Amino acid sequence: MTKPREKTRDELTAEIEDGKKKIRQYENREKMLRQKLSREERRTRSHRLIVRGAVFESIVPEAKDMTDEEAAALLRLALTSQPAREFLQKRAGNATS
């Protein structure tokens, strides 16, 4: 059997540098994918908020003329009413079943 040739110091250094370069490329790719996912999550959340705001304004047309504080107070009052609490409790019970 022939003994494998040992690599020179320069060859080993080049291999190490190549490995470091590949690691940097993978780290950069991971960073780009995380940014893409973050953008998609923000876009999805923005869309959901816009749709829900439109639903709120379609149910309460007067909301268009309200300040943010007034609209928040109206929603708070509406969601703390007895029928709203019963609906939310019922919904939460269905979600756990």
PDB file of N, CA and C in Angstrom:
ATOM      1  N   MET A   1       0.826  -1.188   0.000  1.00  0.00           N
ATOM      2  CA  MET A   1       0.000   0.000   0.000  1.00  0.00           C
ATOM      3  C   MET A   1       0.865   1.245   0.000  1.00  0.00           C
ATOM      4  N   THR A   2       0.378   2.197  -0.734  1.00  0.00           N
ATOM      5  CA  THR A   2       1.124   3.449  -0.761  1.00  0.00           C
ATOM      6  C   THR A   2       0.546   4.391   0.275  1.00  0.00           C
ATOM      7  N   LYS A   3       1.405   5.104   0.888  1.00  0.00           N
ATOM      8  CA  LYS A   3       1.014   6.059   1.920  1.00  0.00           C
ATOM      9  C   LYS A   3       0.515   7.338   1.237  1.00  0.00           C
ATOM     10  N   PRO A   4      -0.626   7.897   1.681  1.00  0.00           N
ATOM     11  CA  PRO A   4      -1.106   9.129   1.048  1.00  0.00           C
ATOM     12  C   PRO A   4      -0.114  10.273   1.270  1.00  0.00           C
ATOM     13  N   ARG A   5      -0.024  11.112   0.285  1.00  0.00           N
ATOM     14  CA  ARG A   5       0.899  12.234   0.342  1.00  0.00           C
ATOM     15  C   ARG A   5       0.404  13.240   1.378  1.00  0.00           C
ATOM     16  N   GLU A   6       1.289  13.726   2.211  1.00  0.00           N
ATOM     17  CA  GLU A   6       0.917  14.742   3.195  1.00  0.00           C
ATOM     18  C   GLU A   6       0.812  16.093   2.509  1.00  0.00           C
ATOM     19  N   LYS A   7      -0.152  16.874   2.945  1.00  0.00           N
ATOM     20  CA  LYS A   7      -0.354  18.195   2.340  1.00  0.00           C
ATOM     21  C   LYS A   7       0.648  19.187   2.913  1.00  0.00           C
ATOM     22  N   THR A   8       0.989  20.131   2.081  1.00  0.00           N
ATOM     23  CA  THR A   8       1.924  21.166   2.525  1.00  0.00           C
ATOM     24  C   THR A   8       1.177  22.193   3.361  1.00  0.00           C
ATOM     25  N   ARG A   9       1.931  23.007   4.047  1.00  0.00           N
ATOM     26  CA  ARG A   9       1.355  24.060   4.886  1.00  0.00           C
ATOM     27  C   ARG A   9       0.496  25.011   4.034  1.00  0.00           C
ATOM     28  N   ASP A  10       0.971  25.357   2.855  1.00  0.00           N
ATOM     29  CA  ASP A  10       0.221  26.254   1.964  1.00  0.00           C
ATOM     30  C   ASP A  10      -1.103  25.626   1.526  1.00  0.00           C
ATOM     31  N   GLU A  11      -1.086  24.327   1.228  1.00  0.00           N
ATOM     32  CA  GLU A  11      -2.321  23.639   0.822  1.00  0.00           C
ATOM     33  C   GLU A  11      -3.324  23.602   1.975  1.00  0.00           C
ATOM     34  N   LEU A  12      -2.824  23.345   3.177  1.00  0.00           N
ATOM     35  CA  LEU A  12      -3.711  23.322   4.342  1.00  0.00           C
ATOM     36  C   LEU A  12      -4.285  24.713   4.623  1.00  0.00           C
ATOM     37  N   THR A  13      -3.462  25.732   4.500  1.00  0.00           N
ATOM     38  CA  THR A  13      -3.929  27.105   4.707  1.00  0.00           C
ATOM     39  C   THR A  13      -4.990  27.466   3.674  1.00  0.00           C
ATOM     40  N   ALA A  14      -4.760  27.062   2.439  1.00  0.00           N
ATOM     41  CA  ALA A  14      -5.744  27.337   1.377  1.00  0.00           C
ATOM     42  C   ALA A  14      -7.057  26.615   1.672  1.00  0.00           C
ATOM     43  N   GLU A  15      -6.971  25.375   2.171  1.00  0.00           N
ATOM     44  CA  GLU A  15      -8.179  24.616   2.522  1.00  0.00           C
ATOM     45  C   GLU A  15      -8.940  25.299   3.645  1.00  0.00           C
ATOM     46  N   ILE A  16      -8.206  25.776   4.638  1.00  0.00           N
ATOM     47  CA  ILE A  16      -8.843  26.472   5.769  1.00  0.00           C
ATOM     48  C   ILE A  16      -9.537  27.740   5.283  1.00  0.00           C
ATOM     49  N   GLU A  17      -8.867  28.503   4.449  1.00  0.00           N
ATOM     50  CA  GLU A  17      -9.450  29.738   3.910  1.00  0.00           C
ATOM     51  C   GLU A  17     -10.695  29.442   3.077  1.00  0.00           C
ATOM     52  N   ASP A  18     -10.646  28.374   2.307  1.00  0.00           N
ATOM     53  CA  ASP A  18     -11.803  27.966   1.507  1.00  0.00           C
ATOM     54  C   ASP A  18     -12.971  27.598   2.419  1.00  0.00           C
ATOM     55  N   GLY A  19     -12.659  26.883   3.501  1.00  0.00           N
ATOM     56  CA  GLY A  19     -13.704  26.517   4.464  1.00  0.00           C
ATOM     57  C   GLY A  19     -14.306  27.750   5.118  1.00  0.00           C
ATOM     58  N   LYS A  20     -13.454  28.718   5.489  1.00  0.00           N
ATOM     59  CA  LYS A  20     -13.945  29.962   6.097  1.00  0.00           C
ATOM     60  C   LYS A  20     -14.833  30.731   5.111  1.00  0.00           C
ATOM     61  N   LYS A  21     -14.432  30.733   3.854  1.00  0.00           N
ATOM     62  CA  LYS A  21     -15.210  31.429   2.827  1.00  0.00           C
ATOM     63  C   LYS A  21     -16.595  30.796   2.694  1.00  0.00           C
ATOM     64  N   LYS A  22     -16.636  29.460   2.684  1.00  0.00           N
ATOM     65  CA  LYS A  22     -17.928  28.772   2.579  1.00  0.00           C
ATOM     66  C   LYS A  22     -18.801  29.056   3.794  1.00  0.00           C
ATOM     67  N   ILE A  23     -18.200  29.099   4.985  1.00  0.00           N
ATOM     68  CA  ILE A  23     -18.957  29.413   6.201  1.00  0.00           C
ATOM     69  C   ILE A  23     -19.554  30.815   6.088  1.00  0.00           C
ATOM     70  N   ARG A  24     -18.741  31.794   5.639  1.00  0.00           N
ATOM     71  CA  ARG A  24     -19.250  33.165   5.472  1.00  0.00           C
ATOM     72  C   ARG A  24     -20.393  33.201   4.462  1.00  0.00           C
ATOM     73  N   GLN A  25     -20.283  32.427   3.388  1.00  0.00           N
ATOM     74  CA  GLN A  25     -21.346  32.391   2.384  1.00  0.00           C
ATOM     75  C   GLN A  25     -22.636  31.824   2.982  1.00  0.00           C
ATOM     76  N   TYR A  26     -22.512  30.743   3.759  1.00  0.00           N
ATOM     77  CA  TYR A  26     -23.701  30.154   4.380  1.00  0.00           C
ATOM     78  C   TYR A  26     -24.312  31.098   5.413  1.00  0.00           C
ATOM     79  N   GLU A  27     -23.459  31.783   6.181  1.00  0.00           N
ATOM     80  CA  GLU A  27     -23.971  32.742   7.160  1.00  0.00           C
ATOM     81  C   GLU A  27     -24.693  33.892   6.462  1.00  0.00           C
ATOM     82  N   ASN A  28     -24.143  34.363   5.348  1.00  0.00           N
ATOM     83  CA  ASN A  28     -24.780  35.438   4.596  1.00  0.00           C
ATOM     84  C   ASN A  28     -26.112  34.970   4.017  1.00  0.00           C
ATOM     85  N   ARG A  29     -26.129  33.745   3.511  1.00  0.00           N
ATOM     86  CA  ARG A  29     -27.373  33.194   2.956  1.00  0.00           C
ATOM     87  C   ARG A  29     -28.437  33.070   4.048  1.00  0.00           C
ATOM     88  N   GLU A  30     -28.016  32.614   5.238  1.00  0.00           N
ATOM     89  CA  GLU A  30     -28.955  32.506   6.357  1.00  0.00           C
ATOM     90  C   GLU A  30     -29.506  33.881   6.725  1.00  0.00           C
ATOM     91  N   LYS A  31     -28.627  34.885   6.772  1.00  0.00           N
ATOM     92  CA  LYS A  31     -29.049  36.249   7.078  1.00  0.00           C
ATOM     93  C   LYS A  31     -30.071  36.744   6.061  1.00  0.00           C
ATOM     94  N   MET A  32     -29.814  36.496   4.783  1.00  0.00           N
ATOM     95  CA  MET A  32     -30.742  36.930   3.730  1.00  0.00           C
ATOM     96  C   MET A  32     -32.090  36.229   3.863  1.00  0.00           C
ATOM     97  N   LEU A  33     -32.069  34.932   4.168  1.00  0.00           N
ATOM     98  CA  LEU A  33     -33.327  34.191   4.322  1.00  0.00           C
ATOM     99  C   LEU A  33     -34.111  34.671   5.536  1.00  0.00           C
ATOM    100  N   ARG A  34     -33.405  34.982   6.628  1.00  0.00           N
ATOM    101  CA  ARG A  34     -34.086  35.520   7.819  1.00  0.00           C
ATOM    102  C   ARG A  34     -34.725  36.869   7.514  1.00  0.00           C
ATOM    103  N   GLN A  35     -34.028  37.726   6.758  1.00  0.00           N
ATOM    104  CA  GLN A  35     -34.587  39.024   6.381  1.00  0.00           C
ATOM    105  C   GLN A  35     -35.818  38.851   5.493  1.00  0.00           C
ATOM    106  N   LYS A  36     -35.742  37.905   4.576  1.00  0.00           N
ATOM    107  CA  LYS A  36     -36.872  37.645   3.681  1.00  0.00           C
ATOM    108  C   LYS A  36     -38.077  37.164   4.489  1.00  0.00           C
ATOM    109  N   LEU A  37     -37.843  36.271   5.442  1.00  0.00           N
ATOM    110  CA  LEU A  37     -38.921  35.767   6.293  1.00  0.00           C
ATOM    111  C   LEU A  37     -39.510  36.898   7.123  1.00  0.00           C
ATOM    112  N   SER A  38     -38.659  37.744   7.656  1.00  0.00           N
ATOM    113  CA  SER A  38     -39.121  38.872   8.462  1.00  0.00           C
ATOM    114  C   SER A  38     -39.984  39.819   7.625  1.00  0.00           C
ATOM    115  N   ARG A  39     -39.540  40.110   6.399  1.00  0.00           N
ATOM    116  CA  ARG A  39     -40.335  40.978   5.514  1.00  0.00           C
ATOM    117  C   ARG A  39     -41.698  40.356   5.219  1.00  0.00           C
ATOM    118  N   GLU A  40     -41.703  39.061   4.972  1.00  0.00           N
ATOM    119  CA  GLU A  40     -42.964  38.363   4.672  1.00  0.00           C
ATOM    120  C   GLU A  40     -43.896  38.387   5.881  1.00  0.00           C
ATOM    121  N   GLU A  41     -43.341  38.188   7.071  1.00  0.00           N
ATOM    122  CA  GLU A  41     -44.162  38.228   8.284  1.00  0.00           C
ATOM    123  C   GLU A  41     -44.744  39.628   8.493  1.00  0.00           C
ATOM    124  N   ARG A  42     -43.930  40.669   8.264  1.00  0.00           N
ATOM    125  CA  ARG A  42     -44.430  42.045   8.398  1.00  0.00           C
ATOM    126  C   ARG A  42     -45.517  42.330   7.373  1.00  0.00           C
ATOM    127  N   ARG A  43     -45.314  41.861   6.142  1.00  0.00           N
ATOM    128  CA  ARG A  43     -46.310  42.081   5.087  1.00  0.00           C
ATOM    129  C   ARG A  43     -47.621  41.394   5.444  1.00  0.00           C
ATOM    130  N   THR A  44     -47.532  40.169   5.942  1.00  0.00           N
ATOM    131  CA  THR A  44     -48.728  39.423   6.335  1.00  0.00           C
ATOM    132  C   THR A  44     -49.451  40.122   7.477  1.00  0.00           C
ATOM    133  N   ARG A  45     -48.690  40.582   8.470  1.00  0.00           N
ATOM    134  CA  ARG A  45     -49.299  41.279   9.609  1.00  0.00           C
ATOM    135  C   ARG A  45     -49.949  42.585   9.151  1.00  0.00           C
ATOM    136  N   SER A  46     -49.267  43.339   8.306  1.00  0.00           N
ATOM    137  CA  SER A  46     -49.833  44.598   7.805  1.00  0.00           C
ATOM    138  C   SER A  46     -51.133  44.338   7.054  1.00  0.00           C
ATOM    139  N   HIS A  47     -51.134  43.310   6.219  1.00  0.00           N
ATOM    140  CA  HIS A  47     -52.342  42.977   5.463  1.00  0.00           C
ATOM    141  C   HIS A  47     -53.490  42.625   6.411  1.00  0.00           C
ATOM    142  N   ARG A  48     -53.182  41.808   7.423  1.00  0.00           N
ATOM    143  CA  ARG A  48     -54.212  41.408   8.388  1.00  0.00           C
ATOM    144  C   ARG A  48     -54.766  42.631   9.115  1.00  0.00           C
ATOM    145  N   LEU A  49     -53.890  43.554   9.530  1.00  0.00           N
ATOM    146  CA  LEU A  49     -54.349  44.751  10.236  1.00  0.00           C
ATOM    147  C   LEU A  49     -55.207  45.639   9.338  1.00  0.00           C
ATOM    148  N   ILE A  50     -54.824  45.753   8.079  1.00  0.00           N
ATOM    149  CA  ILE A  50     -55.610  46.562   7.135  1.00  0.00           C
ATOM    150  C   ILE A  50     -56.998  45.952   6.941  1.00  0.00           C
ATOM    151  N   VAL A  51     -57.039  44.631   6.757  1.00  0.00           N
ATOM    152  CA  VAL A  51     -58.322  43.955   6.547  1.00  0.00           C
ATOM    153  C   VAL A  51     -59.208  44.101   7.782  1.00  0.00           C
ATOM    154  N   ARG A  52     -58.623  43.905   8.949  1.00  0.00           N
ATOM    155  CA  ARG A  52     -59.423  44.021  10.184  1.00  0.00           C
ATOM    156  C   ARG A  52     -59.905  45.448  10.398  1.00  0.00           C
ATOM    157  N   GLY A  53     -59.069  46.423  10.057  1.00  0.00           N
ATOM    158  CA  GLY A  53     -59.498  47.815  10.158  1.00  0.00           C
ATOM    159  C   GLY A  53     -60.646  48.107   9.201  1.00  0.00           C
ATOM    160  N   ALA A  54     -60.584  47.539   8.013  1.00  0.00           N
ATOM    161  CA  ALA A  54     -61.659  47.728   7.034  1.00  0.00           C
ATOM    162  C   ALA A  54     -62.953  47.082   7.517  1.00  0.00           C
ATOM    163  N   VAL A  55     -62.837  45.926   8.138  1.00  0.00           N
ATOM    164  CA  VAL A  55     -64.026  45.261   8.683  1.00  0.00           C
ATOM    165  C   VAL A  55     -64.642  46.126   9.778  1.00  0.00           C
ATOM    166  N   PHE A  56     -63.786  46.648  10.661  1.00  0.00           N
ATOM    167  CA  PHE A  56     -64.270  47.510  11.740  1.00  0.00           C
ATOM    168  C   PHE A  56     -64.990  48.727  11.166  1.00  0.00           C
ATOM    169  N   GLU A  57     -64.406  49.361  10.154  1.00  0.00           N
ATOM    170  CA  GLU A  57     -65.034  50.538   9.556  1.00  0.00           C
ATOM    171  C   GLU A  57     -66.307  50.190   8.793  1.00  0.00           C
ATOM    172  N   SER A  58     -66.396  48.967   8.261  1.00  0.00           N
ATOM    173  CA  SER A  58     -67.636  48.589   7.577  1.00  0.00           C
ATOM    174  C   SER A  58     -68.752  48.341   8.576  1.00  0.00           C
ATOM    175  N   ILE A  59     -68.408  47.872   9.762  1.00  0.00           N
ATOM    176  CA  ILE A  59     -69.423  47.635  10.795  1.00  0.00           C
ATOM    177  C   ILE A  59     -69.809  48.948  11.464  1.00  0.00           C
ATOM    178  N   VAL A  60     -68.817  49.798  11.704  1.00  0.00           N
ATOM    179  CA  VAL A  60     -69.053  51.079  12.373  1.00  0.00           C
ATOM    180  C   VAL A  60     -68.544  52.192  11.440  1.00  0.00           C
ATOM    181  N   PRO A  61     -69.374  52.636  10.495  1.00  0.00           N
ATOM    182  CA  PRO A  61     -68.922  53.659   9.544  1.00  0.00           C
ATOM    183  C   PRO A  61     -68.449  54.944  10.225  1.00  0.00           C
ATOM    184  N   GLU A  62     -68.983  55.226  11.414  1.00  0.00           N
ATOM    185  CA  GLU A  62     -68.592  56.436  12.140  1.00  0.00           C
ATOM    186  C   GLU A  62     -67.126  56.375  12.563  1.00  0.00           C
ATOM    187  N   ALA A  63     -66.539  55.176  12.559  1.00  0.00           N
ATOM    188  CA  ALA A  63     -65.152  55.010  12.990  1.00  0.00           C
ATOM    189  C   ALA A  63     -64.194  55.794  12.098  1.00  0.00           C
ATOM    190  N   LYS A  64     -64.599  56.047  10.867  1.00  0.00           N
ATOM    191  CA  LYS A  64     -63.729  56.795   9.947  1.00  0.00           C
ATOM    192  C   LYS A  64     -63.455  58.199  10.461  1.00  0.00           C
ATOM    193  N   ASP A  65     -64.420  58.768  11.195  1.00  0.00           N
ATOM    194  CA  ASP A  65     -64.287  60.136  11.695  1.00  0.00           C
ATOM    195  C   ASP A  65     -63.778  60.187  13.129  1.00  0.00           C
ATOM    196  N   MET A  66     -63.537  59.027  13.745  1.00  0.00           N
ATOM    197  CA  MET A  66     -63.080  58.989  15.134  1.00  0.00           C
ATOM    198  C   MET A  66     -61.563  59.127  15.214  1.00  0.00           C
ATOM    199  N   THR A  67     -61.108  59.622  16.366  1.00  0.00           N
ATOM    200  CA  THR A  67     -59.661  59.619  16.624  1.00  0.00           C
ATOM    201  C   THR A  67     -59.269  58.190  17.010  1.00  0.00           C
ATOM    202  N   ASP A  68     -57.985  57.940  17.036  1.00  0.00           N
ATOM    203  CA  ASP A  68     -57.517  56.608  17.428  1.00  0.00           C
ATOM    204  C   ASP A  68     -57.963  56.272  18.844  1.00  0.00           C
ATOM    205  N   GLU A  69     -57.916  57.253  19.723  1.00  0.00           N
ATOM    206  CA  GLU A  69     -58.316  57.027  21.118  1.00  0.00           C
ATOM    207  C   GLU A  69     -59.809  56.681  21.213  1.00  0.00           C
ATOM    208  N   GLU A  70     -60.629  57.398  20.447  1.00  0.00           N
ATOM    209  CA  GLU A  70     -62.073  57.121  20.465  1.00  0.00           C
ATOM    210  C   GLU A  70     -62.374  55.727  19.918  1.00  0.00           C
ATOM    211  N   ALA A  71     -61.715  55.369  18.834  1.00  0.00           N
ATOM    212  CA  ALA A  71     -61.927  54.044  18.243  1.00  0.00           C
ATOM    213  C   ALA A  71     -61.477  52.953  19.214  1.00  0.00           C
ATOM    214  N   ALA A  72     -60.342  53.168  19.883  1.00  0.00           N
ATOM    215  CA  ALA A  72     -59.859  52.189  20.863  1.00  0.00           C
ATOM    216  C   ALA A  72     -60.836  52.065  22.020  1.00  0.00           C
ATOM    217  N   ALA A  73     -61.373  53.192  22.493  1.00  0.00           N
ATOM    218  CA  ALA A  73     -62.338  53.165  23.597  1.00  0.00           C
ATOM    219  C   ALA A  73     -63.603  52.419  23.172  1.00  0.00           C
ATOM    220  N   LEU A  74     -64.077  52.667  21.947  1.00  0.00           N
ATOM    221  CA  LEU A  74     -65.262  51.972  21.454  1.00  0.00           C
ATOM    222  C   LEU A  74     -65.030  50.461  21.399  1.00  0.00           C
ATOM    223  N   LEU A  75     -63.894  50.064  20.859  1.00  0.00           N
ATOM    224  CA  LEU A  75     -63.584  48.630  20.789  1.00  0.00           C
ATOM    225  C   LEU A  75     -63.462  48.023  22.184  1.00  0.00           C
ATOM    226  N   ARG A  76     -62.798  48.748  23.070  1.00  0.00           N
ATOM    227  CA  ARG A  76     -62.651  48.254  24.438  1.00  0.00           C
ATOM    228  C   ARG A  76     -64.017  48.035  25.090  1.00  0.00           C
ATOM    229  N   LEU A  77     -64.908  49.009  24.922  1.00  0.00           N
ATOM    230  CA  LEU A  77     -66.261  48.885  25.481  1.00  0.00           C
ATOM    231  C   LEU A  77     -67.010  47.716  24.844  1.00  0.00           C
ATOM    232  N   ALA A  78     -66.901  47.615  23.527  1.00  0.00           N
ATOM    233  CA  ALA A  78     -67.617  46.552  22.810  1.00  0.00           C
ATOM    234  C   ALA A  78     -67.107  45.178  23.215  1.00  0.00           C
ATOM    235  N   LEU A  79     -65.811  45.045  23.386  1.00  0.00           N
ATOM    236  CA  LEU A  79     -65.235  43.729  23.690  1.00  0.00           C
ATOM    237  C   LEU A  79     -65.335  43.339  25.155  1.00  0.00           C
ATOM    238  N   THR A  80     -65.668  44.308  26.017  1.00  0.00           N
ATOM    239  CA  THR A  80     -65.838  43.961  27.432  1.00  0.00           C
ATOM    240  C   THR A  80     -67.307  43.782  27.793  1.00  0.00           C
ATOM    241  N   SER A  81     -68.197  43.910  26.803  1.00  0.00           N
ATOM    242  CA  SER A  81     -69.621  43.683  27.066  1.00  0.00           C
ATOM    243  C   SER A  81     -69.849  42.200  27.359  1.00  0.00           C
ATOM    244  N   GLN A  82     -70.931  41.905  28.023  1.00  0.00           N
ATOM    245  CA  GLN A  82     -71.246  40.513  28.387  1.00  0.00           C
ATOM    246  C   GLN A  82     -71.355  39.607  27.155  1.00  0.00           C
ATOM    247  N   PRO A  83     -72.096  39.990  26.101  1.00  0.00           N
ATOM    248  CA  PRO A  83     -72.168  39.119  24.919  1.00  0.00           C
ATOM    249  C   PRO A  83     -70.796  38.874  24.280  1.00  0.00           C
ATOM    250  N   ALA A  84     -69.962  39.913  24.265  1.00  0.00           N
ATOM    251  CA  ALA A  84     -68.630  39.751  23.671  1.00  0.00           C
ATOM    252  C   ALA A  84     -67.790  38.790  24.504  1.00  0.00           C
ATOM    253  N   ARG A  85     -67.858  38.923  25.836  1.00  0.00           N
ATOM    254  CA  ARG A  85     -67.095  38.016  26.706  1.00  0.00           C
ATOM    255  C   ARG A  85     -67.559  36.574  26.533  1.00  0.00           C
ATOM    256  N   GLU A  86     -68.872  36.382  26.428  1.00  0.00           N
ATOM    257  CA  GLU A  86     -69.400  35.024  26.226  1.00  0.00           C
ATOM    258  C   GLU A  86     -68.914  34.451  24.898  1.00  0.00           C
ATOM    259  N   PHE A  87     -68.944  35.266  23.856  1.00  0.00           N
ATOM    260  CA  PHE A  87     -68.481  34.823  22.542  1.00  0.00           C
ATOM    261  C   PHE A  87     -67.012  34.424  22.596  1.00  0.00           C
ATOM    262  N   LEU A  88     -66.181  35.270  23.221  1.00  0.00           N
ATOM    263  CA  LEU A  88     -64.742  34.987  23.294  1.00  0.00           C
ATOM    264  C   LEU A  88     -64.454  33.744  24.140  1.00  0.00           C
ATOM    265  N   GLN A  89     -65.208  33.565  25.237  1.00  0.00           N
ATOM    266  CA  GLN A  89     -65.016  32.370  26.070  1.00  0.00           C
ATOM    267  C   GLN A  89     -65.424  31.118  25.301  1.00  0.00           C
ATOM    268  N   LYS A  90     -66.527  31.202  24.574  1.00  0.00           N
ATOM    269  CA  LYS A  90     -67.000  30.079  23.780  1.00  0.00           C
ATOM    270  C   LYS A  90     -65.976  29.747  22.703  1.00  0.00           C
ATOM    271  N   ARG A  91     -65.467  30.769  22.044  1.00  0.00           N
ATOM    272  CA  ARG A  91     -64.458  30.574  20.985  1.00  0.00           C
ATOM    273  C   ARG A  91     -63.177  29.953  21.554  1.00  0.00           C
ATOM    274  N   ALA A  92     -62.754  30.429  22.711  1.00  0.00           N
ATOM    275  CA  ALA A  92     -61.546  29.892  23.354  1.00  0.00           C
ATOM    276  C   ALA A  92     -61.771  28.431  23.751  1.00  0.00           C
ATOM    277  N   GLY A  93     -62.991  28.108  24.183  1.00  0.00           N
ATOM    278  CA  GLY A  93     -63.306  26.716  24.526  1.00  0.00           C
ATOM    279  C   GLY A  93     -63.274  25.821  23.311  1.00  0.00           C
ATOM    280  N   ASN A  94     -63.740  26.314  22.164  1.00  0.00           N
ATOM    281  CA  ASN A  94     -63.702  25.529  20.928  1.00  0.00           C
ATOM    282  C   ASN A  94     -62.289  25.340  20.426  1.00  0.00           C
ATOM    283  N   ALA A  95     -61.444  26.324  20.659  1.00  0.00           N
ATOM    284  CA  ALA A  95     -60.054  26.245  20.176  1.00  0.00           C
ATOM    285  C   ALA A  95     -59.277  25.194  20.945  1.00  0.00           C
ATOM    286  N   THR A  96     -59.589  24.985  22.218  1.00  0.00           N
ATOM    287  CA  THR A  96     -58.863  24.009  23.022  1.00  0.00           C
ATOM    288  C   THR A  96     -59.424  22.598  22.862  1.00  0.00           C
ATOM    289  N   SER A  97     -60.605  22.485  22.318  1.00  0.00           N
ATOM    290  CA  SER A  97     -61.231  21.155  22.159  1.00  0.00           C
ATOM    291  C   SER A  97     -60.661  20.407  20.992  1.00  0.00           C
TER     292      SER A  97
END
